[in-house]
Amino acid sequence: MAGLTKGTIVDVRKSREVRIPDEFYNSPIYKDVKAAICIYFERTGELRLIPMTKDSGARVRLEVEKVNPALMQTMTHLFKEQDLKVLYTTGFCFEQNRCIYEVYFATDGIREKAQRIREIIESIPGLYESEFEILELDSSG
């Protein structure tokens, strides 16, 4: 009987590489996958591996006055305008008027889109700080 998931245990101390199960490669759902993004959560030590059909992406971290509908509308507009596929988002408010919003997304040709993405991010009302980190497939492996 087929399960819903496939699990493996790996010795992360012996090898820094994790083998992806053959079932992943044999699945028609993932036939267009080009790469995967690996997200490391510093507070919990958790790792997430998210398949993507694009060749590059980015991490955007915003420190804003508050996460509100205007912020979400601006980000939604950005995602649609620049053909960005959202892979993961998180956010929290650590003071009454200070919140962190972070998003990872995939896209093709991130370097050509970077300037416009930065312009839209800088136009966000109530923005204190922003980070924009380009993520690309490691050509060495």
Protein backbone atom coordinates (compact mmCIF):
# COMPACT_ATOMS: atom_id res chain seq x y z
CA MET A 1 0.00 0.00 0.00
CA ALA A 2 1.39 3.38 -1.00
CA GLY A 3 1.88 5.98 1.71
CA LEU A 4 1.36 9.71 1.60
CA THR A 5 4.97 10.51 2.30
CA LYS A 6 8.45 9.05 2.00
CA GLY A 7 10.83 9.36 4.92
CA THR A 8 14.54 8.72 5.31
CA ILE A 9 17.04 9.28 8.07
CA VAL A 10 20.46 10.60 7.14
CA ASP A 11 23.67 10.95 9.12
CA VAL A 12 24.33 14.67 8.71
CA ARG A 13 27.61 14.38 10.61
CA LYS A 14 29.17 11.85 8.20
CA SER A 15 28.03 13.54 5.00
CA ARG A 16 26.83 17.04 4.21
CA GLU A 17 24.79 15.69 1.31
CA VAL A 18 21.24 14.41 1.57
CA ARG A 19 19.99 11.89 -0.97
CA ILE A 20 16.56 12.63 -2.43
CA PRO A 21 14.37 9.50 -2.72
CA ASP A 22 13.99 7.98 -6.22
CA GLU A 23 10.21 8.36 -5.90
CA PHE A 24 10.67 12.12 -6.20
CA TYR A 25 12.41 11.80 -9.57
CA ASN A 26 9.91 9.23 -10.82
CA SER A 27 6.90 11.40 -10.00
CA PRO A 28 5.27 13.19 -12.97
CA ILE A 29 4.39 16.05 -10.60
CA TYR A 30 8.06 17.03 -10.45
CA LYS A 31 9.05 16.53 -14.09
CA ASP A 32 9.60 20.31 -14.58
CA VAL A 33 11.64 20.85 -11.41
CA LYS A 34 14.97 22.57 -12.14
CA ALA A 35 16.29 23.03 -8.62
CA ALA A 36 15.31 23.25 -4.96
CA ILE A 37 15.71 25.95 -2.39
CA CYS A 38 16.99 24.94 1.03
CA ILE A 39 15.87 27.22 3.86
CA TYR A 40 17.62 27.00 7.22
CA PHE A 41 15.72 28.27 10.25
CA GLU A 42 18.32 29.71 12.63
CA ARG A 43 16.12 29.68 15.74
CA THR A 44 14.90 26.08 15.48
CA GLY A 45 17.63 24.43 13.38
CA GLU A 46 14.94 23.17 10.99
CA LEU A 47 15.64 22.78 7.27
CA ARG A 48 13.09 22.96 4.47
CA LEU A 49 13.75 21.80 0.93
CA ILE A 50 11.29 23.23 -1.60
CA PRO A 51 11.40 22.13 -5.26
CA MET A 52 11.21 24.90 -7.85
CA THR A 53 10.66 25.08 -11.59
CA LYS A 54 12.61 28.33 -11.96
CA ASP A 55 16.38 28.79 -12.18
CA SER A 56 16.84 31.47 -9.53
CA GLY A 57 15.10 33.37 -6.77
CA ALA A 58 15.58 35.61 -3.80
CA ARG A 59 14.94 36.22 -0.14
CA VAL A 60 13.36 39.51 0.84
CA ARG A 61 13.33 40.59 4.48
CA LEU A 62 11.34 43.65 5.41
CA GLU A 63 11.22 45.41 8.73
CA VAL A 64 8.03 47.44 8.66
CA GLU A 65 5.83 49.49 10.93
CA LYS A 66 3.10 46.86 10.60
CA VAL A 67 2.00 44.03 8.36
CA ASN A 68 -1.15 45.50 6.86
CA PRO A 69 -3.28 45.20 3.71
CA ALA A 70 -1.26 47.92 1.93
CA LEU A 71 1.95 45.93 2.42
CA MET A 72 0.29 42.73 1.22
CA GLN A 73 -1.16 44.50 -1.84
CA THR A 74 2.26 45.92 -2.73
CA MET A 75 3.89 42.50 -2.40
CA THR A 76 1.12 40.79 -4.39
CA HIS A 77 1.55 43.39 -7.14
CA LEU A 78 5.31 42.77 -7.10
CA PHE A 79 4.86 38.99 -7.35
CA LYS A 80 2.48 39.30 -10.30
CA GLU A 81 4.37 42.03 -12.17
CA GLN A 82 7.72 40.27 -11.98
CA ASP A 83 6.42 36.67 -12.30
CA LEU A 84 7.68 35.63 -8.87
CA LYS A 85 6.50 32.30 -7.46
CA VAL A 86 6.22 32.52 -3.69
CA LEU A 87 7.84 29.50 -2.02
CA TYR A 88 7.71 30.46 1.65
CA THR A 89 6.68 33.43 3.80
CA THR A 90 6.89 34.15 7.49
CA GLY A 91 6.47 37.13 9.73
CA PHE A 92 6.06 38.32 13.26
CA CYS A 93 5.75 41.55 15.19
CA PHE A 94 8.24 41.99 18.02
CA GLU A 95 6.97 45.39 19.15
CA GLN A 96 3.67 47.17 18.66
CA ASN A 97 4.96 49.11 15.66
CA ARG A 98 7.82 46.90 14.41
CA CYS A 99 7.29 43.76 12.35
CA ILE A 100 9.44 41.45 10.24
CA TYR A 101 8.08 40.01 7.00
CA GLU A 102 10.25 37.57 5.07
CA VAL A 103 9.52 35.88 1.75
CA TYR A 104 11.39 33.47 -0.49
CA PHE A 105 10.42 33.30 -4.13
CA ALA A 106 11.54 31.65 -7.36
CA THR A 107 11.84 33.25 -10.78
CA ASP A 108 13.82 32.99 -13.98
CA GLY A 109 16.36 35.74 -14.65
CA ILE A 110 16.52 37.24 -11.16
CA ARG A 111 19.40 39.57 -12.02
CA GLU A 112 17.40 41.30 -14.77
CA LYS A 113 14.48 41.83 -12.35
CA ALA A 114 16.51 42.88 -9.31
CA GLN A 115 16.46 46.65 -9.85
CA ARG A 116 12.66 46.80 -10.30
CA ILE A 117 12.13 44.54 -7.27
CA ARG A 118 14.32 46.85 -5.15
CA GLU A 119 12.39 49.92 -6.38
CA ILE A 120 9.04 48.41 -5.39
CA ILE A 121 10.37 47.29 -2.00
CA GLU A 122 11.75 50.76 -1.24
CA SER A 123 8.32 52.30 -2.01
CA ILE A 124 6.59 50.37 0.79
CA PRO A 125 5.01 52.75 3.32
CA GLY A 126 6.31 52.33 6.87
CA LEU A 127 9.47 50.51 5.75
CA TYR A 128 12.32 50.72 8.30
CA GLU A 129 14.81 48.34 6.70
CA SER A 130 14.96 45.86 3.85
CA GLU A 131 17.25 43.08 2.67
CA PHE A 132 17.21 41.63 -0.82
CA GLU A 133 19.35 38.54 -1.29
CA ILE A 134 19.65 36.96 -4.74
CA LEU A 135 19.70 33.16 -4.69
CA GLU A 136 20.99 31.26 -7.70
CA LEU A 137 21.78 27.65 -8.50
CA ASP A 138 25.29 26.78 -7.38
CA SER A 139 27.12 26.07 -10.62
CA SER A 140 29.75 23.97 -8.85
CA GLY A 141 27.44 21.14 -8.04
